[in-house]
Amino acid sequence: MTRRQFQGIVTSHKTDKTATVRVDRLLMHPKYKKRYTLSKKYLVHDAENKAKAGDAVTFKESRPISKQKRWVLVSVDKTV
């Protein structure tokens, strides 16, 4: 089974080995056809503390690392 993989923007990197990443989705209202954005935050395990706030990153699903962390950083795509 393949693991889910997302791309997002790092919003916070204040905790050790953890980055908060925001993933935005663009949706369209079924009746009014207006586009709107839904965003969700994920806690991502960053073992080497590579990601900084504002970076675009890719992360994937993993085993539970802590109470809220179930995602692991794959790569830092674009730095600020």
C-alpha atoms as a PDB file:
ATOM      1  CA  MET A   1       0.000   0.000   0.000  1.00  0.00           C
ATOM      2  CA  THR A   2       1.365   3.408  -0.946  1.00  0.00           C
ATOM      3  CA  ARG A   3       1.719   6.107   1.639  1.00  0.00           C
ATOM      4  CA  ARG A   4       0.008   9.452   1.226  1.00  0.00           C
ATOM      5  CA  GLN A   5       2.274  12.339   0.299  1.00  0.00           C
ATOM      6  CA  PHE A   6       1.535  16.075   0.533  1.00  0.00           C
ATOM      7  CA  GLN A   7       3.212  19.383  -0.223  1.00  0.00           C
ATOM      8  CA  GLY A   8       2.801  22.420   1.996  1.00  0.00           C
ATOM      9  CA  ILE A   9       4.323  25.516   3.560  1.00  0.00           C
ATOM     10  CA  VAL A  10       6.083  25.454   6.944  1.00  0.00           C
ATOM     11  CA  THR A  11       4.309  27.875   9.295  1.00  0.00           C
ATOM     12  CA  SER A  12       6.271  27.176  12.485  1.00  0.00           C
ATOM     13  CA  HIS A  13       9.453  25.386  13.495  1.00  0.00           C
ATOM     14  CA  LYS A  14       9.694  26.364  17.166  1.00  0.00           C
ATOM     15  CA  THR A  15       9.700  22.855  18.624  1.00  0.00           C
ATOM     16  CA  ASP A  16      12.678  20.519  18.330  1.00  0.00           C
ATOM     17  CA  LYS A  17      12.462  18.018  15.439  1.00  0.00           C
ATOM     18  CA  THR A  18       8.888  19.097  14.592  1.00  0.00           C
ATOM     19  CA  ALA A  19       7.562  21.426  11.903  1.00  0.00           C
ATOM     20  CA  THR A  20       3.999  22.672  11.534  1.00  0.00           C
ATOM     21  CA  VAL A  21       3.029  22.506   7.860  1.00  0.00           C
ATOM     22  CA  ARG A  22      -0.065  24.080   6.249  1.00  0.00           C
ATOM     23  CA  VAL A  23      -1.576  22.320   3.228  1.00  0.00           C
ATOM     24  CA  ASP A  24      -4.035  24.308   1.106  1.00  0.00           C
ATOM     25  CA  ARG A  25      -6.696  22.749  -1.116  1.00  0.00           C
ATOM     26  CA  LEU A  26      -8.630  24.657  -3.761  1.00  0.00           C
ATOM     27  CA  LEU A  27     -12.265  23.559  -3.969  1.00  0.00           C
ATOM     28  CA  MET A  28     -15.300  24.692  -5.936  1.00  0.00           C
ATOM     29  CA  HIS A  29     -18.735  25.218  -4.434  1.00  0.00           C
ATOM     30  CA  PRO A  30     -21.183  22.767  -6.072  1.00  0.00           C
ATOM     31  CA  LYS A  31     -24.014  25.265  -6.481  1.00  0.00           C
ATOM     32  CA  TYR A  32     -22.395  28.685  -6.814  1.00  0.00           C
ATOM     33  CA  LYS A  33     -19.231  27.538  -8.650  1.00  0.00           C
ATOM     34  CA  LYS A  34     -17.060  29.851  -6.582  1.00  0.00           C
ATOM     35  CA  ARG A  35     -13.579  28.680  -5.686  1.00  0.00           C
ATOM     36  CA  TYR A  36     -12.494  28.694  -2.066  1.00  0.00           C
ATOM     37  CA  THR A  37      -9.460  27.480  -0.121  1.00  0.00           C
ATOM     38  CA  LEU A  38      -9.460  24.942   2.681  1.00  0.00           C
ATOM     39  CA  SER A  39      -6.285  24.628   4.716  1.00  0.00           C
ATOM     40  CA  LYS A  40      -5.200  22.032   7.253  1.00  0.00           C
ATOM     41  CA  LYS A  41      -2.184  21.882   9.561  1.00  0.00           C
ATOM     42  CA  TYR A  42       0.009  18.816  10.025  1.00  0.00           C
ATOM     43  CA  LEU A  43       2.773  18.163  12.562  1.00  0.00           C
ATOM     44  CA  VAL A  44       5.711  16.759  10.610  1.00  0.00           C
ATOM     45  CA  HIS A  45       8.759  14.997  12.066  1.00  0.00           C
ATOM     46  CA  ASP A  46      11.935  16.801  10.948  1.00  0.00           C
ATOM     47  CA  ALA A  47      14.818  14.817  12.512  1.00  0.00           C
ATOM     48  CA  GLU A  48      17.600  17.091  11.203  1.00  0.00           C
ATOM     49  CA  ASN A  49      15.754  20.430  11.706  1.00  0.00           C
ATOM     50  CA  LYS A  50      16.244  21.310   8.006  1.00  0.00           C
ATOM     51  CA  ALA A  51      12.951  23.116   7.381  1.00  0.00           C
ATOM     52  CA  LYS A  52      12.472  26.753   8.359  1.00  0.00           C
ATOM     53  CA  ALA A  53       9.344  28.902   8.455  1.00  0.00           C
ATOM     54  CA  GLY A  54       8.173  29.764   4.927  1.00  0.00           C
ATOM     55  CA  ASP A  55       9.836  26.808   3.198  1.00  0.00           C
ATOM     56  CA  ALA A  56       7.889  24.641   0.761  1.00  0.00           C
ATOM     57  CA  VAL A  57       8.218  21.000   1.834  1.00  0.00           C
ATOM     58  CA  THR A  58       7.077  17.505   0.865  1.00  0.00           C
ATOM     59  CA  PHE A  59       6.095  15.021   3.574  1.00  0.00           C
ATOM     60  CA  LYS A  60       4.635  11.529   3.733  1.00  0.00           C
ATOM     61  CA  GLU A  61       2.644   9.311   6.067  1.00  0.00           C
ATOM     62  CA  SER A  62       4.498   7.155   8.604  1.00  0.00           C
ATOM     63  CA  ARG A  63       4.069   5.209  11.797  1.00  0.00           C
ATOM     64  CA  PRO A  64       2.964   7.180  14.892  1.00  0.00           C
ATOM     65  CA  ILE A  65       5.984   9.054  16.240  1.00  0.00           C
ATOM     66  CA  SER A  66       4.224  10.876  19.083  1.00  0.00           C
ATOM     67  CA  LYS A  67       0.681  11.747  20.148  1.00  0.00           C
ATOM     68  CA  GLN A  68       0.041  14.010  17.129  1.00  0.00           C
ATOM     69  CA  LYS A  69       2.939  13.323  14.721  1.00  0.00           C
ATOM     70  CA  ARG A  70       2.197  10.773  12.002  1.00  0.00           C
ATOM     71  CA  TRP A  71       4.111  12.440   9.159  1.00  0.00           C
ATOM     72  CA  VAL A  72       7.798  12.490   8.160  1.00  0.00           C
ATOM     73  CA  LEU A  73       9.605  15.152   6.145  1.00  0.00           C
ATOM     74  CA  VAL A  74      10.745  13.883   2.735  1.00  0.00           C
ATOM     75  CA  SER A  75      12.404  16.980   1.258  1.00  0.00           C
ATOM     76  CA  VAL A  76      12.662  20.754   1.438  1.00  0.00           C
ATOM     77  CA  ASP A  77      11.574  21.866  -2.052  1.00  0.00           C
ATOM     78  CA  LYS A  78      12.028  25.631  -1.942  1.00  0.00           C
ATOM     79  CA  THR A  79      13.632  27.763   0.761  1.00  0.00           C
ATOM     80  CA  VAL A  80      12.886  31.373   1.581  1.00  0.00           C
END
